[in-house]
Amino acid sequence: MKKRSGIFYVLLLLLAIVVTACAQQTNNATDKKSVKTEHKQTNNKKKKPKMTSKKTILSTLKNSNKKTITYDALGDSLSVGLFSNTKATRFTTQFANDLQKGTDKKVIENNTSLAGKTVTNFGLPMVQKVIDDNPDLVTIEFGTNDAAYGTDATNFGNFSRNLDTVVSKVKNGTHAQILLMTTWSPTGGQFEKNDVVYDQKIEEIGKKYNIPVVDLSTIWKGDPSVTKNDSGYSDVYSIQKDSFHPNQLGHDKIAKLLYQTVQK
């Protein structure tokens, strides 16, 4: 009996050892599975893409280290302000005010524009003045008067070459953000067909230098209300009003389009 009891106890001991070993293997397997799951979850977290805000001209100006933004407007009578109600409400000044609000920085406007001028007889000679201003943003607005001279090889060639030169000089001579603007015309204007040709060249130069082009035809085309001026005398600009230049509504819409462009 004692011999059988000894064997029985030995078998119980072996059984206990086997059960303990199995339990340990099960726990190890569970631990490994848990570690793999945690590792997988960690990897999944790492794979989540980072959300980044879109970089725009406005955000670039806002995030720059400069506390003051210098804005230069280079152009013809449109940029001068004909025929806004006041100089404070011309599109260039409205745009400068919008920039100030959008960046929370002081904006200085330098308006280098003259009525009746072209990129050849004004833009090119005055480009160095713009460069010397060390601007942060420049609008270049030519083509309206240029188109009135015709689309012949000489006039169109001069415009194409000189606008390209002006853009190149500003781009290489400053750190400024640049906006190109297309021509202005009343609906059904005398030089509307010429404007199309000149606007195509402006678009082409914009693509060449990767510069946004502000298409003003989206404002004046089919909308005579933006050029409806009375026939009186403008005390603001000391000249007789016409039905060619934008009125205050036209200037409001140009300023709005410019600001929309720097937000894209």
Protein backbone atom coordinates (compact mmCIF):
# COMPACT_ATOMS: atom_id res chain seq x y z
CA MET A 1 0.00 0.00 0.00
CA LYS A 2 2.79 2.42 0.86
CA LYS A 3 4.39 1.75 -2.57
CA ARG A 4 1.15 2.54 -4.37
CA SER A 5 0.63 5.70 -2.36
CA GLY A 6 4.13 6.91 -3.28
CA ILE A 7 3.47 6.38 -6.96
CA PHE A 8 0.15 8.22 -6.64
CA TYR A 9 1.80 11.26 -5.05
CA VAL A 10 4.50 11.30 -7.74
CA LEU A 11 1.80 11.31 -10.46
CA LEU A 12 -0.04 14.17 -8.74
CA LEU A 13 3.21 16.16 -8.58
CA LEU A 14 3.91 15.59 -12.29
CA LEU A 15 0.35 16.60 -13.17
CA ALA A 16 0.71 19.80 -11.15
CA ILE A 17 3.97 20.62 -12.95
CA VAL A 18 2.36 20.08 -16.38
CA VAL A 19 -0.68 22.24 -15.49
CA THR A 20 1.59 25.03 -14.20
CA ALA A 21 3.73 24.95 -17.37
CA CYS A 22 0.67 25.13 -19.64
CA ALA A 23 -0.73 28.05 -17.70
CA GLN A 24 2.59 29.90 -17.98
CA GLN A 25 2.72 29.34 -21.76
CA THR A 26 -0.84 30.65 -22.09
CA ASN A 27 0.05 33.78 -20.10
CA ASN A 28 3.18 34.36 -22.20
CA ALA A 29 1.18 34.00 -25.40
CA THR A 30 -1.42 36.46 -24.09
CA ASP A 31 1.31 38.92 -23.09
CA LYS A 32 2.93 38.68 -26.54
CA LYS A 33 -0.43 39.21 -28.25
CA SER A 34 -1.06 42.23 -26.01
CA VAL A 35 2.36 43.69 -26.87
CA LYS A 36 1.72 43.18 -30.59
CA THR A 37 -1.67 44.85 -30.30
CA GLU A 38 -0.20 47.82 -28.45
CA HIS A 39 2.61 48.06 -31.02
CA LYS A 40 0.10 47.96 -33.84
CA GLN A 41 -1.99 50.68 -32.21
CA THR A 42 1.13 52.81 -31.74
CA ASN A 43 2.05 52.36 -35.40
CA ASN A 44 -1.47 53.27 -36.46
CA LYS A 45 -1.21 56.46 -34.44
CA LYS A 46 2.06 57.35 -36.14
CA LYS A 47 0.52 56.89 -39.57
CA LYS A 48 -2.08 59.61 -39.05
CA PRO A 49 -1.31 62.46 -41.47
CA LYS A 50 -0.52 65.86 -40.01
CA MET A 51 -3.00 68.62 -40.77
CA THR A 52 -1.22 71.66 -42.23
CA SER A 53 -2.78 74.99 -43.13
CA LYS A 54 -2.55 76.10 -46.76
CA LYS A 55 0.17 78.66 -47.48
CA THR A 56 -1.18 81.79 -49.14
CA ILE A 57 0.19 85.24 -49.93
CA LEU A 58 -1.79 86.58 -46.99
CA SER A 59 -0.46 83.95 -44.57
CA THR A 60 3.10 84.57 -45.82
CA LEU A 61 2.77 88.28 -45.07
CA LYS A 62 1.14 87.59 -41.71
CA ASN A 63 3.79 85.09 -40.61
CA SER A 64 6.79 87.15 -41.71
CA ASN A 65 9.08 88.67 -39.08
CA LYS A 66 8.36 92.19 -40.33
CA LYS A 67 6.03 94.30 -38.19
CA THR A 68 5.17 96.62 -41.10
CA ILE A 69 4.15 95.58 -44.62
CA THR A 70 5.06 97.76 -47.59
CA TYR A 71 2.66 97.56 -50.53
CA ASP A 72 3.57 99.14 -53.88
CA ALA A 73 1.01 99.73 -56.63
CA LEU A 74 2.59 100.19 -60.06
CA GLY A 75 0.16 101.08 -62.84
CA ASP A 76 -1.87 103.57 -64.85
CA SER A 77 -5.03 105.63 -64.19
CA LEU A 78 -6.82 102.60 -62.78
CA SER A 79 -4.31 102.36 -59.93
CA VAL A 80 -4.30 106.16 -59.58
CA GLY A 81 -7.92 105.75 -58.55
CA LEU A 82 -10.06 107.19 -61.37
CA PHE A 83 -13.04 107.48 -60.58
CA SER A 84 -13.45 106.48 -56.96
CA ASN A 85 -15.38 108.87 -54.72
CA THR A 86 -12.25 109.64 -52.69
CA LYS A 87 -8.62 108.61 -52.80
CA ALA A 88 -9.19 106.74 -49.55
CA THR A 89 -11.72 104.52 -51.33
CA ARG A 90 -9.74 103.73 -54.48
CA PHE A 91 -9.03 100.02 -54.86
CA THR A 92 -5.34 100.21 -53.93
CA THR A 93 -6.07 101.91 -50.59
CA GLN A 94 -9.01 99.62 -49.86
CA PHE A 95 -6.75 96.66 -50.58
CA ALA A 96 -4.07 98.05 -48.25
CA ASN A 97 -6.70 98.39 -45.50
CA ASP A 98 -7.85 94.81 -46.07
CA LEU A 99 -4.26 93.59 -45.81
CA GLN A 100 -3.85 95.49 -42.55
CA LYS A 101 -6.91 93.79 -41.07
CA GLY A 102 -5.95 90.36 -42.41
CA THR A 103 -2.38 90.43 -41.12
CA ASP A 104 -2.80 92.53 -37.95
CA LYS A 105 0.14 94.60 -39.17
CA LYS A 106 0.59 98.17 -40.29
CA VAL A 107 0.51 98.47 -44.10
CA ILE A 108 2.24 101.30 -45.93
CA GLU A 109 0.92 102.00 -49.46
CA ASN A 110 3.28 103.44 -52.06
CA ASN A 111 1.30 104.35 -55.16
CA THR A 112 3.54 104.65 -58.21
CA SER A 113 0.92 105.18 -60.90
CA LEU A 114 0.12 107.78 -63.55
CA ALA A 115 -2.89 108.26 -65.82
CA GLY A 116 -2.51 107.48 -69.51
CA LYS A 117 0.74 105.57 -69.14
CA THR A 118 1.96 102.21 -70.44
CA VAL A 119 4.43 99.64 -69.24
CA THR A 120 6.89 100.95 -71.84
CA ASN A 121 6.79 104.68 -71.07
CA PHE A 122 6.16 104.42 -67.31
CA GLY A 123 6.33 100.92 -65.86
CA LEU A 124 9.84 100.14 -67.04
CA PRO A 125 11.34 103.57 -66.14
CA MET A 126 9.74 103.45 -62.67
CA VAL A 127 10.48 99.85 -61.73
CA GLN A 128 13.70 100.77 -59.94
CA LYS A 129 11.75 103.13 -57.69
CA VAL A 130 9.54 100.19 -56.69
CA ILE A 131 12.59 98.03 -56.00
CA ASP A 132 14.12 100.78 -53.87
CA ASP A 133 10.96 100.82 -51.72
CA ASN A 134 11.84 97.26 -50.63
CA PRO A 135 8.19 96.18 -50.87
CA ASP A 136 6.58 93.06 -49.44
CA LEU A 137 3.77 93.08 -52.00
CA VAL A 138 3.49 94.63 -55.47
CA THR A 139 0.54 94.92 -57.85
CA ILE A 140 1.50 95.46 -61.50
CA GLU A 141 -1.36 96.87 -63.58
CA PHE A 142 -0.63 97.68 -67.22
CA GLY A 143 -2.11 96.81 -70.60
CA THR A 144 -5.20 99.00 -70.80
CA ASN A 145 -3.46 101.95 -72.46
CA ASP A 146 -0.99 99.64 -74.21
CA ALA A 147 -3.86 97.82 -75.94
CA ALA A 148 -5.20 101.12 -77.29
CA TYR A 149 -2.05 101.43 -79.42
CA GLY A 150 -2.93 98.22 -81.26
CA THR A 151 -1.88 94.60 -81.57
CA ASP A 152 0.71 95.12 -84.30
CA ALA A 153 4.10 93.48 -83.90
CA THR A 154 5.83 96.64 -82.69
CA ASN A 155 3.37 97.77 -79.99
CA PHE A 156 2.45 94.30 -78.80
CA GLY A 157 6.10 93.25 -78.92
CA ASN A 158 7.15 96.22 -76.80
CA PHE A 159 4.42 95.48 -74.26
CA SER A 160 5.30 91.78 -74.03
CA ARG A 161 9.00 92.35 -73.66
CA ASN A 162 8.77 95.27 -71.22
CA LEU A 163 6.13 93.72 -68.95
CA ASP A 164 8.29 90.60 -68.75
CA THR A 165 11.26 92.78 -67.82
CA VAL A 166 9.33 94.67 -65.14
CA VAL A 167 8.12 91.44 -63.53
CA SER A 168 11.58 89.89 -63.73
CA LYS A 169 13.22 92.94 -62.13
CA VAL A 170 10.74 93.08 -59.25
CA LYS A 171 10.96 89.33 -58.68
CA ASN A 172 14.76 89.25 -58.71
CA GLY A 173 15.34 92.61 -57.04
CA THR A 174 12.97 92.19 -54.09
CA HIS A 175 11.46 89.54 -51.82
CA ALA A 176 7.98 90.83 -52.69
CA GLN A 177 4.87 88.84 -53.41
CA ILE A 178 3.59 89.94 -56.84
CA LEU A 179 0.12 90.21 -58.35
CA LEU A 180 -0.39 90.85 -62.06
CA MET A 181 -3.61 92.54 -63.17
CA THR A 182 -5.31 92.31 -66.55
CA THR A 183 -6.75 95.17 -68.61
CA TRP A 184 -9.83 97.26 -67.86
CA SER A 185 -12.59 98.16 -70.29
CA PRO A 186 -16.26 99.08 -70.26
CA THR A 187 -18.53 96.39 -71.68
CA GLY A 188 -18.40 96.66 -75.46
CA GLY A 189 -15.51 99.10 -75.25
CA GLN A 190 -13.59 100.30 -78.31
CA PHE A 191 -10.50 98.19 -77.59
CA GLU A 192 -12.14 95.14 -76.06
CA LYS A 193 -10.78 92.81 -78.78
CA ASN A 194 -7.27 94.16 -78.24
CA ASP A 195 -7.67 93.64 -74.50
CA VAL A 196 -8.19 89.91 -75.06
CA VAL A 197 -4.84 89.66 -76.86
CA TYR A 198 -3.00 91.65 -74.19
CA ASP A 199 -4.68 89.73 -71.36
CA GLN A 200 -3.47 86.45 -72.88
CA LYS A 201 0.11 87.76 -72.73
CA ILE A 202 -0.37 88.88 -69.11
CA GLU A 203 -1.63 85.39 -68.24
CA GLU A 204 1.36 83.87 -70.04
CA ILE A 205 3.85 85.99 -68.10
CA GLY A 206 2.06 85.12 -64.87
CA LYS A 207 2.48 81.41 -65.58
CA LYS A 208 6.12 81.91 -66.55
CA TYR A 209 6.98 83.47 -63.19
CA ASN A 210 4.39 81.53 -61.16
CA ILE A 211 2.58 84.75 -60.24
CA PRO A 212 -1.19 85.05 -59.66
CA VAL A 213 -3.08 87.00 -62.33
CA VAL A 214 -6.11 89.01 -61.22
CA ASP A 215 -8.61 88.87 -64.08
CA LEU A 216 -10.47 92.20 -64.09
CA SER A 217 -12.70 91.11 -66.97
CA THR A 218 -14.66 89.08 -64.42
CA ILE A 219 -15.77 92.46 -63.05
CA TRP A 220 -16.40 94.68 -66.08
CA LYS A 221 -17.48 92.16 -68.71
CA GLY A 222 -21.26 92.23 -69.07
CA ASP A 223 -21.71 94.66 -66.20
CA PRO A 224 -22.02 98.33 -67.29
CA SER A 225 -22.87 99.36 -63.71
CA VAL A 226 -19.17 99.34 -62.73
CA THR A 227 -18.29 102.08 -65.26
CA LYS A 228 -21.42 104.21 -64.97
CA ASN A 229 -20.12 107.66 -64.04
CA ASP A 230 -21.89 110.99 -64.24
CA SER A 231 -20.56 113.49 -66.74
CA GLY A 232 -19.43 115.90 -64.07
CA TYR A 233 -15.97 117.05 -63.05
CA SER A 234 -13.97 115.03 -60.52
CA ASP A 235 -12.63 117.36 -57.85
CA VAL A 236 -10.72 114.40 -56.39
CA TYR A 237 -8.70 113.77 -59.55
CA SER A 238 -9.06 117.18 -61.24
CA ILE A 239 -10.37 115.72 -64.48
CA GLN A 240 -13.64 115.27 -66.36
CA LYS A 241 -15.35 111.95 -65.58
CA ASP A 242 -16.02 109.35 -68.27
CA SER A 243 -17.79 106.05 -68.77
CA PHE A 244 -14.55 104.10 -69.21
CA HIS A 245 -12.94 104.07 -65.77
CA PRO A 246 -14.43 102.22 -62.81
CA ASN A 247 -16.75 104.11 -60.52
CA GLN A 248 -16.81 103.51 -56.77
CA LEU A 249 -18.61 100.20 -57.23
CA GLY A 250 -15.93 99.14 -59.70
CA HIS A 251 -13.16 100.03 -57.26
CA ASP A 252 -14.93 98.14 -54.48
CA LYS A 253 -15.08 95.02 -56.62
CA ILE A 254 -11.43 95.28 -57.71
CA ALA A 255 -10.30 95.59 -54.09
CA LYS A 256 -12.42 92.60 -53.14
CA LEU A 257 -10.98 90.50 -56.00
CA LEU A 258 -7.42 91.38 -55.01
CA TYR A 259 -8.02 90.36 -51.41
CA GLN A 260 -9.67 87.12 -52.47
CA THR A 261 -6.60 86.36 -54.58
CA VAL A 262 -4.12 86.72 -51.70
CA GLN A 263 -6.28 84.34 -49.65
CA LYS A 264 -6.03 81.52 -52.21
